[in-house]
Amino acid sequence: MDQFQTINIEQAKELLQQPEVILADTRDSQSFTNEHVEGAFSLNNDTIVEFMNEVEFEQPILVMCYHGISSQNVAQYLINQGYSEVYSVDGGIEAWRRAGFPLTQ
């Protein structure tokens, strides 16, 4: 995979049932603290090194932002760093919320 793929929230929710899948939430820290998908990693400039130290290059990664736009840039960045299976979640956290999927604080 030389480029990330986009998936919808239903596909994302299904993939998240697999324990090896990582969800990277790229929203600002305060938004992440207020609510996020359970188990998500808050990925930002301050945590990128930690993320890269913890996540294997072969692990599937879902990238989520507010609306599914800026997550595409982050997804492509992760592909460029050597991650092999990266997905941008269309609609982001807003679509997740609208679908009634659970969020945690």
N, C-alpha and C. Protein backbone atom coordinates (compact mmCIF):
# COMPACT_ATOMS: atom_id res chain seq x y z
N MET A 1 0.86 -1.18 0.00
CA MET A 1 0.00 0.00 0.00
C MET A 1 0.90 1.24 0.00
N ASP A 2 0.96 1.95 -1.10
CA ASP A 2 1.77 3.16 -1.18
C ASP A 2 1.00 4.40 -0.78
N GLN A 3 -0.29 4.25 -0.65
CA GLN A 3 -1.13 5.37 -0.25
C GLN A 3 -2.18 4.84 0.72
N PHE A 4 -2.62 5.73 1.58
CA PHE A 4 -3.67 5.33 2.52
C PHE A 4 -4.96 5.06 1.77
N GLN A 5 -5.88 4.39 2.45
CA GLN A 5 -7.21 4.15 1.92
C GLN A 5 -8.21 4.89 2.80
N THR A 6 -9.36 5.23 2.25
CA THR A 6 -10.41 5.83 3.06
C THR A 6 -11.47 4.76 3.33
N ILE A 7 -12.01 4.81 4.54
CA ILE A 7 -13.07 3.89 4.93
C ILE A 7 -14.15 4.68 5.64
N ASN A 8 -15.36 4.14 5.67
CA ASN A 8 -16.44 4.81 6.38
C ASN A 8 -16.44 4.37 7.84
N ILE A 9 -17.30 4.99 8.63
CA ILE A 9 -17.27 4.69 10.07
C ILE A 9 -17.73 3.27 10.38
N GLU A 10 -18.62 2.73 9.57
CA GLU A 10 -19.05 1.36 9.81
C GLU A 10 -17.88 0.40 9.60
N GLN A 11 -17.11 0.62 8.54
CA GLN A 11 -15.93 -0.21 8.30
C GLN A 11 -14.91 -0.02 9.43
N ALA A 12 -14.76 1.21 9.88
CA ALA A 12 -13.82 1.49 10.97
C ALA A 12 -14.24 0.76 12.24
N LYS A 13 -15.52 0.84 12.57
CA LYS A 13 -16.02 0.18 13.78
C LYS A 13 -15.77 -1.33 13.70
N GLU A 14 -15.97 -1.90 12.53
CA GLU A 14 -15.72 -3.33 12.34
C GLU A 14 -14.24 -3.67 12.51
N LEU A 15 -13.37 -2.87 11.89
CA LEU A 15 -11.92 -3.12 12.02
C LEU A 15 -11.45 -3.00 13.46
N LEU A 16 -12.05 -2.08 14.21
CA LEU A 16 -11.64 -1.87 15.60
C LEU A 16 -11.95 -3.06 16.50
N GLN A 17 -12.71 -4.03 16.01
CA GLN A 17 -12.95 -5.25 16.77
C GLN A 17 -11.70 -6.13 16.84
N GLN A 18 -10.75 -5.88 15.93
CA GLN A 18 -9.51 -6.65 15.90
C GLN A 18 -8.51 -6.00 16.85
N PRO A 19 -7.94 -6.76 17.77
CA PRO A 19 -7.09 -6.18 18.81
C PRO A 19 -5.82 -5.50 18.30
N GLU A 20 -5.34 -5.88 17.13
CA GLU A 20 -4.09 -5.29 16.64
C GLU A 20 -4.29 -3.93 15.95
N VAL A 21 -5.54 -3.55 15.71
CA VAL A 21 -5.84 -2.30 15.01
C VAL A 21 -5.70 -1.12 15.97
N ILE A 22 -5.03 -0.08 15.51
CA ILE A 22 -4.80 1.14 16.29
C ILE A 22 -5.66 2.26 15.71
N LEU A 23 -6.31 3.01 16.58
CA LEU A 23 -7.04 4.20 16.16
C LEU A 23 -6.26 5.42 16.63
N ALA A 24 -5.81 6.23 15.68
CA ALA A 24 -5.08 7.46 15.98
C ALA A 24 -6.03 8.64 15.81
N ASP A 25 -6.29 9.35 16.89
CA ASP A 25 -7.18 10.51 16.89
C ASP A 25 -6.31 11.76 16.80
N THR A 26 -6.45 12.51 15.71
CA THR A 26 -5.56 13.64 15.45
C THR A 26 -6.15 14.99 15.86
N ARG A 27 -7.27 14.98 16.55
CA ARG A 27 -7.86 16.24 17.01
C ARG A 27 -7.00 16.84 18.12
N ASP A 28 -7.26 18.10 18.46
CA ASP A 28 -6.47 18.75 19.51
C ASP A 28 -6.68 18.03 20.84
N SER A 29 -5.73 18.22 21.74
CA SER A 29 -5.73 17.50 23.02
C SER A 29 -6.99 17.74 23.85
N GLN A 30 -7.48 18.97 23.87
CA GLN A 30 -8.67 19.26 24.66
C GLN A 30 -9.90 18.54 24.11
N SER A 31 -10.07 18.54 22.79
CA SER A 31 -11.18 17.81 22.19
C SER A 31 -11.08 16.33 22.49
N PHE A 32 -9.86 15.79 22.41
CA PHE A 32 -9.64 14.37 22.70
C PHE A 32 -10.02 14.08 24.15
N THR A 33 -9.60 14.95 25.08
CA THR A 33 -9.90 14.76 26.50
C THR A 33 -11.40 14.81 26.75
N ASN A 34 -12.10 15.69 26.05
CA ASN A 34 -13.55 15.82 26.23
C ASN A 34 -14.30 14.57 25.81
N GLU A 35 -13.91 13.99 24.67
CA GLU A 35 -14.53 12.75 24.21
C GLU A 35 -13.69 12.16 23.08
N HIS A 36 -13.66 10.83 23.07
CA HIS A 36 -12.94 10.11 22.02
C HIS A 36 -13.45 8.67 21.96
N VAL A 37 -13.08 7.99 20.93
CA VAL A 37 -13.41 6.58 20.80
C VAL A 37 -12.53 5.82 21.80
N GLU A 38 -13.14 4.92 22.54
CA GLU A 38 -12.40 4.18 23.56
C GLU A 38 -11.19 3.48 22.95
N GLY A 39 -10.05 3.62 23.60
CA GLY A 39 -8.83 2.98 23.15
C GLY A 39 -8.03 3.78 22.13
N ALA A 40 -8.55 4.93 21.73
CA ALA A 40 -7.85 5.74 20.73
C ALA A 40 -6.55 6.32 21.30
N PHE A 41 -5.59 6.52 20.42
CA PHE A 41 -4.32 7.15 20.76
C PHE A 41 -4.40 8.61 20.29
N SER A 42 -4.12 9.55 21.19
CA SER A 42 -4.12 10.96 20.82
C SER A 42 -2.83 11.27 20.08
N LEU A 43 -2.92 11.38 18.76
CA LEU A 43 -1.73 11.57 17.92
C LEU A 43 -1.60 13.03 17.52
N ASN A 44 -0.51 13.64 17.96
CA ASN A 44 -0.20 15.03 17.62
C ASN A 44 1.31 15.20 17.58
N ASN A 45 1.76 16.41 17.36
CA ASN A 45 3.20 16.66 17.26
C ASN A 45 3.95 16.23 18.52
N ASP A 46 3.30 16.32 19.68
CA ASP A 46 3.95 15.97 20.94
C ASP A 46 4.00 14.46 21.18
N THR A 47 3.15 13.70 20.50
CA THR A 47 3.08 12.26 20.78
C THR A 47 3.53 11.38 19.60
N ILE A 48 3.95 12.00 18.50
CA ILE A 48 4.30 11.21 17.31
C ILE A 48 5.47 10.25 17.57
N VAL A 49 6.47 10.69 18.33
CA VAL A 49 7.61 9.81 18.61
C VAL A 49 7.17 8.61 19.44
N GLU A 50 6.36 8.86 20.46
CA GLU A 50 5.82 7.78 21.28
C GLU A 50 5.01 6.81 20.43
N PHE A 51 4.17 7.36 19.56
CA PHE A 51 3.36 6.53 18.67
C PHE A 51 4.24 5.64 17.81
N MET A 52 5.26 6.22 17.20
CA MET A 52 6.13 5.44 16.31
C MET A 52 6.95 4.41 17.07
N ASN A 53 7.25 4.68 18.34
CA ASN A 53 7.96 3.69 19.16
C ASN A 53 7.06 2.54 19.58
N GLU A 54 5.76 2.80 19.72
CA GLU A 54 4.84 1.79 20.23
C GLU A 54 4.14 0.97 19.14
N VAL A 55 3.93 1.55 17.98
CA VAL A 55 3.12 0.91 16.94
C VAL A 55 4.02 0.29 15.88
N GLU A 56 3.80 -1.00 15.64
CA GLU A 56 4.58 -1.71 14.63
C GLU A 56 4.18 -1.23 13.23
N PHE A 57 5.12 -1.26 12.30
CA PHE A 57 4.86 -0.79 10.94
C PHE A 57 3.82 -1.64 10.21
N GLU A 58 3.63 -2.88 10.66
CA GLU A 58 2.66 -3.77 10.01
C GLU A 58 1.26 -3.66 10.61
N GLN A 59 1.12 -2.98 11.74
CA GLN A 59 -0.19 -2.88 12.38
C GLN A 59 -1.12 -1.99 11.57
N PRO A 60 -2.38 -2.40 11.43
CA PRO A 60 -3.35 -1.53 10.76
C PRO A 60 -3.63 -0.29 11.62
N ILE A 61 -3.66 0.87 10.98
CA ILE A 61 -3.89 2.12 11.69
C ILE A 61 -5.07 2.84 11.04
N LEU A 62 -6.02 3.24 11.88
CA LEU A 62 -7.12 4.09 11.44
C LEU A 62 -6.84 5.49 11.95
N VAL A 63 -6.96 6.48 11.09
CA VAL A 63 -6.72 7.87 11.48
C VAL A 63 -8.04 8.62 11.43
N MET A 64 -8.36 9.27 12.56
CA MET A 64 -9.63 9.98 12.67
C MET A 64 -9.37 11.41 13.13
N CYS A 65 -10.09 12.35 12.52
CA CYS A 65 -10.03 13.75 12.92
C CYS A 65 -11.46 14.23 13.16
N TYR A 66 -11.71 15.51 12.99
CA TYR A 66 -13.05 16.04 13.20
C TYR A 66 -14.04 15.60 12.12
N HIS A 67 -13.66 15.79 10.85
CA HIS A 67 -14.59 15.53 9.75
C HIS A 67 -14.04 14.60 8.67
N GLY A 68 -12.82 14.11 8.83
CA GLY A 68 -12.25 13.19 7.85
C GLY A 68 -11.43 13.84 6.78
N ILE A 69 -11.04 15.10 6.99
CA ILE A 69 -10.25 15.81 5.98
C ILE A 69 -8.77 15.84 6.38
N SER A 70 -8.46 16.42 7.53
CA SER A 70 -7.05 16.51 7.94
C SER A 70 -6.46 15.14 8.25
N SER A 71 -7.31 14.17 8.56
CA SER A 71 -6.80 12.82 8.82
C SER A 71 -6.15 12.23 7.57
N GLN A 72 -6.55 12.70 6.40
CA GLN A 72 -5.95 12.19 5.16
C GLN A 72 -4.47 12.57 5.07
N ASN A 73 -4.14 13.79 5.49
CA ASN A 73 -2.72 14.20 5.48
C ASN A 73 -1.90 13.38 6.47
N VAL A 74 -2.47 13.15 7.63
CA VAL A 74 -1.76 12.36 8.64
C VAL A 74 -1.60 10.91 8.16
N ALA A 75 -2.65 10.37 7.56
CA ALA A 75 -2.58 9.01 7.04
C ALA A 75 -1.47 8.88 6.00
N GLN A 76 -1.38 9.85 5.10
CA GLN A 76 -0.33 9.81 4.09
C GLN A 76 1.05 9.96 4.72
N TYR A 77 1.16 10.80 5.73
CA TYR A 77 2.43 10.95 6.47
C TYR A 77 2.85 9.60 7.05
N LEU A 78 1.92 8.88 7.67
CA LEU A 78 2.26 7.59 8.27
C LEU A 78 2.68 6.58 7.20
N ILE A 79 2.03 6.60 6.06
CA ILE A 79 2.45 5.75 4.93
C ILE A 79 3.89 6.10 4.54
N ASN A 80 4.16 7.39 4.44
CA ASN A 80 5.50 7.84 4.05
C ASN A 80 6.56 7.44 5.07
N GLN A 81 6.16 7.26 6.34
CA GLN A 81 7.09 6.84 7.39
C GLN A 81 7.34 5.35 7.39
N GLY A 82 6.56 4.60 6.58
CA GLY A 82 6.79 3.17 6.47
C GLY A 82 5.67 2.28 6.97
N TYR A 83 4.60 2.88 7.52
CA TYR A 83 3.46 2.06 7.94
C TYR A 83 2.77 1.52 6.69
N SER A 84 2.37 0.25 6.75
CA SER A 84 1.92 -0.40 5.52
C SER A 84 0.41 -0.43 5.33
N GLU A 85 -0.36 -0.29 6.41
CA GLU A 85 -1.81 -0.39 6.29
C GLU A 85 -2.45 0.76 7.07
N VAL A 86 -2.76 1.84 6.38
CA VAL A 86 -3.26 3.05 7.03
C VAL A 86 -4.56 3.47 6.34
N TYR A 87 -5.55 3.81 7.16
CA TYR A 87 -6.86 4.21 6.67
C TYR A 87 -7.25 5.56 7.26
N SER A 88 -7.85 6.41 6.46
CA SER A 88 -8.46 7.65 6.93
C SER A 88 -9.95 7.40 7.06
N VAL A 89 -10.52 7.77 8.21
CA VAL A 89 -11.94 7.51 8.47
C VAL A 89 -12.77 8.68 7.96
N ASP A 90 -13.56 8.43 6.90
CA ASP A 90 -14.43 9.45 6.32
C ASP A 90 -15.43 9.95 7.35
N GLY A 91 -15.61 11.25 7.42
CA GLY A 91 -16.59 11.85 8.33
C GLY A 91 -16.08 12.07 9.73
N GLY A 92 -14.98 11.43 10.09
CA GLY A 92 -14.34 11.64 11.37
C GLY A 92 -15.24 11.41 12.58
N ILE A 93 -14.86 12.07 13.67
CA ILE A 93 -15.58 11.91 14.93
C ILE A 93 -17.02 12.39 14.82
N GLU A 94 -17.27 13.37 13.95
CA GLU A 94 -18.64 13.87 13.80
C GLU A 94 -19.56 12.79 13.21
N ALA A 95 -19.08 12.06 12.22
CA ALA A 95 -19.88 10.97 11.64
C ALA A 95 -20.05 9.86 12.66
N TRP A 96 -19.01 9.60 13.43
CA TRP A 96 -19.07 8.57 14.47
C TRP A 96 -20.18 8.94 15.48
N ARG A 97 -20.18 10.19 15.90
CA ARG A 97 -21.19 10.68 16.85
C ARG A 97 -22.60 10.60 16.25
N ARG A 98 -22.76 11.07 15.02
CA ARG A 98 -24.07 11.05 14.35
C ARG A 98 -24.63 9.65 14.22
N ALA A 99 -23.74 8.67 14.05
CA ALA A 99 -24.17 7.28 13.92
C ALA A 99 -24.56 6.68 15.26
N GLY A 100 -24.30 7.41 16.33
CA GLY A 100 -24.64 6.92 17.66
C GLY A 100 -23.64 5.94 18.23
N PHE A 101 -22.46 5.87 17.63
CA PHE A 101 -21.42 4.98 18.15
C PHE A 101 -20.89 5.56 19.47
N PRO A 102 -20.43 4.71 20.37
CA PRO A 102 -20.03 5.18 21.70
C PRO A 102 -18.76 6.03 21.70
N LEU A 103 -18.76 7.01 22.60
CA LEU A 103 -17.60 7.85 22.86
C LEU A 103 -17.35 7.82 24.37
N THR A 104 -16.12 8.02 24.75
CA THR A 104 -15.75 8.00 26.16
C THR A 104 -14.99 9.27 26.51
N GLN A 105 -14.87 9.54 27.79
CA GLN A 105 -14.12 10.72 28.24
C GLN A 105 -12.86 10.29 28.93
